[in-house]
């Protein structure tokens, strides 16, 4: 049984941008910390929003994800199913309590994420700037799966 033909790099980029703009976008967010010399990975499912070429998440600022982001400023996100995955390595561009966030950011997040953290006190927005994006479906797309490197589209 053979799968679909591999997509071009341009099609992968277009598909990725379409996915990132989808309503009610959810993904897996992985962060890490070092405790007593041991790396501890942390993985959680979160709602995402694609706002001005950045990813935005809303979390409790005291959560492990927030603490890891503030300490190490790096995160990895997985979006989509196993056979059409987008992996994103990102850095923290900034964070702001929901109550202090600019209205355009809060509105954009609420519109795409399908929930509004302004109605749940205690959250903060974390703005993540993609540095590397990889997109592939099957093994025939592993070669050339990197469509963004060092924060620049390679397509």
Protein backbone atom coordinates (compact mmCIF):
# COMPACT_ATOMS: atom_id res chain seq x y z
CA UNK A 1 0.00 0.00 0.00
CA UNK A 2 1.48 3.35 -0.96
CA UNK A 3 0.61 6.72 0.48
CA UNK A 4 0.13 10.01 -1.30
CA UNK A 5 2.98 11.50 -3.27
CA UNK A 6 5.20 13.83 -1.23
CA UNK A 7 4.18 17.47 -1.21
CA UNK A 8 6.42 20.21 -2.48
CA UNK A 9 8.05 22.48 0.08
CA UNK A 10 5.76 25.31 -1.03
CA UNK A 11 2.69 23.10 -0.47
CA UNK A 12 3.95 22.06 2.97
CA UNK A 13 4.34 25.73 3.92
CA UNK A 14 0.86 26.57 2.63
CA UNK A 15 -0.65 23.59 4.46
CA UNK A 16 1.18 24.56 7.64
CA UNK A 17 -0.04 28.15 7.53
CA UNK A 18 -3.58 26.92 6.86
CA UNK A 19 -3.37 24.58 9.87
CA UNK A 20 -1.94 27.27 12.14
CA UNK A 21 -4.83 29.61 11.23
CA UNK A 22 -7.50 26.94 11.88
CA UNK A 23 -10.17 27.66 14.49
CA UNK A 24 -9.94 25.84 17.83
CA UNK A 25 -6.30 24.95 17.21
CA UNK A 26 -4.87 22.62 19.82
CA UNK A 27 -1.38 21.24 20.18
CA UNK A 28 1.07 19.55 22.49
CA UNK A 29 3.49 21.90 24.23
CA UNK A 30 6.75 20.46 25.55
CA UNK A 31 9.04 22.33 27.91
CA UNK A 32 11.80 21.18 30.23
CA UNK A 33 13.59 22.07 33.41
CA UNK A 34 16.67 20.81 35.21
CA UNK A 35 16.14 19.65 38.79
CA UNK A 36 19.09 18.36 40.80
CA UNK A 37 21.04 17.90 37.57
CA UNK A 38 18.29 15.87 35.92
CA UNK A 39 16.32 17.11 32.91
CA UNK A 40 12.58 16.87 33.46
CA UNK A 41 10.40 17.02 30.38
CA UNK A 42 6.90 18.41 30.66
CA UNK A 43 4.24 17.88 27.98
CA UNK A 44 0.72 19.34 28.02
CA UNK A 45 -2.12 19.83 25.52
CA UNK A 46 -3.04 23.49 25.10
CA UNK A 47 -5.13 25.76 22.91
CA UNK A 48 -3.03 27.79 20.49
CA UNK A 49 -3.49 30.90 18.42
CA UNK A 50 -1.42 32.03 15.42
CA UNK A 51 -1.15 35.80 15.84
CA UNK A 52 1.14 37.98 13.70
CA UNK A 53 3.44 35.04 12.81
CA UNK A 54 3.76 33.97 16.46
CA UNK A 55 2.06 31.30 18.52
CA UNK A 56 0.20 32.39 21.63
CA UNK A 57 -0.76 30.18 24.56
CA UNK A 58 -2.64 31.10 27.72
CA UNK A 59 -1.60 29.38 30.95
CA UNK A 60 -1.51 29.96 34.67
CA UNK A 61 1.72 31.91 35.27
CA UNK A 62 2.49 29.58 38.20
CA UNK A 63 2.19 26.42 36.08
CA UNK A 64 5.18 24.25 35.26
CA UNK A 65 4.89 25.24 31.59
CA UNK A 66 5.05 28.94 32.47
CA UNK A 67 7.94 28.47 34.89
CA UNK A 68 9.89 26.42 32.36
CA UNK A 69 9.30 29.00 29.64
CA UNK A 70 10.37 31.89 31.85
CA UNK A 71 13.50 30.05 33.00
CA UNK A 72 14.66 28.58 29.68
CA UNK A 73 12.70 30.55 27.05
CA UNK A 74 12.35 27.50 24.76
CA UNK A 75 9.47 25.23 23.89
CA UNK A 76 8.55 22.60 21.32
CA UNK A 77 5.03 22.29 19.96
CA UNK A 78 3.40 19.47 18.03
CA UNK A 79 0.28 20.21 15.99
CA UNK A 80 -1.79 17.85 13.88
CA UNK A 81 -2.14 14.08 13.72
CA UNK A 82 0.75 11.63 13.49
CA UNK A 83 0.49 11.36 9.71
CA UNK A 84 0.31 15.10 9.06
CA UNK A 85 2.36 16.64 11.82
CA UNK A 86 3.85 20.09 12.25
CA UNK A 87 6.67 20.38 14.80
CA UNK A 88 7.65 23.85 15.95
CA UNK A 89 10.67 24.87 18.00
CA UNK A 90 9.99 28.32 19.46
CA UNK A 91 11.41 30.85 21.86
CA UNK A 92 9.56 33.00 24.33
CA UNK A 93 9.10 36.51 22.92
CA UNK A 94 7.21 37.74 25.97
CA UNK A 95 4.47 37.12 28.45
CA UNK A 96 1.78 39.33 29.86
CA UNK A 97 -1.04 38.79 32.37
CA UNK A 98 -4.36 38.48 30.58
CA UNK A 99 -5.73 41.56 32.38
CA UNK A 100 -2.84 43.68 31.03
CA UNK A 101 -2.75 42.32 27.48
CA UNK A 102 -3.36 44.50 24.45
CA UNK A 103 -6.92 44.12 23.19
CA UNK A 104 -5.87 42.95 19.68
CA UNK A 105 -3.80 40.09 21.16
CA UNK A 106 -6.58 39.04 23.55
CA UNK A 107 -9.25 39.27 20.86
CA UNK A 108 -7.16 37.29 18.35
CA UNK A 109 -6.48 34.56 20.90
CA UNK A 110 -10.13 34.31 21.95
CA UNK A 111 -11.31 34.20 18.33
CA UNK A 112 -9.02 31.37 17.29
CA UNK A 113 -8.65 29.34 20.49
CA UNK A 114 -12.42 29.22 20.97
CA UNK A 115 -12.18 30.30 24.60
CA UNK A 116 -11.41 33.58 26.27
CA UNK A 117 -9.02 33.54 29.24
CA UNK A 118 -10.22 37.04 30.14
CA UNK A 119 -13.20 35.25 31.69
CA UNK A 120 -10.93 33.08 33.88
CA UNK A 121 -8.78 35.27 36.12
CA UNK A 122 -5.19 34.30 36.75
CA UNK A 123 -3.99 33.44 33.25
CA UNK A 124 -1.18 34.97 31.25
CA UNK A 125 -0.47 34.99 27.52
CA UNK A 126 2.88 33.63 26.38
CA UNK A 127 3.96 34.74 22.92
CA UNK A 128 6.22 32.22 21.17
CA UNK A 129 8.33 33.06 18.12
CA UNK A 130 8.98 30.06 15.84
CA UNK A 131 12.63 29.35 15.07
CA UNK A 132 12.24 26.04 13.27
CA UNK A 133 9.17 24.46 11.70
CA UNK A 134 9.08 20.96 10.28
CA UNK A 135 6.12 19.45 8.42
CA UNK A 136 5.65 15.93 7.09
CA UNK A 137 3.04 13.28 6.50
CA UNK A 138 4.73 9.98 5.70
CA UNK A 139 8.34 8.82 5.51
CA UNK A 140 8.50 10.03 1.90
CA UNK A 141 8.35 13.60 3.25
CA UNK A 142 11.08 13.28 5.89
CA UNK A 143 13.65 14.65 3.50
CA UNK A 144 13.11 18.38 3.28
CA UNK A 145 10.70 18.48 6.21
CA UNK A 146 12.28 21.66 7.61
CA UNK A 147 10.35 24.57 6.13
CA UNK A 148 11.57 27.24 8.57
CA UNK A 149 15.08 27.51 9.98
CA UNK A 150 16.53 30.21 12.24
CA UNK A 151 13.17 32.02 12.15
CA UNK A 152 13.11 32.27 8.34
CA UNK A 153 11.06 30.35 5.86
CA UNK A 154 13.36 28.25 3.70
CA UNK A 155 10.61 27.87 1.13
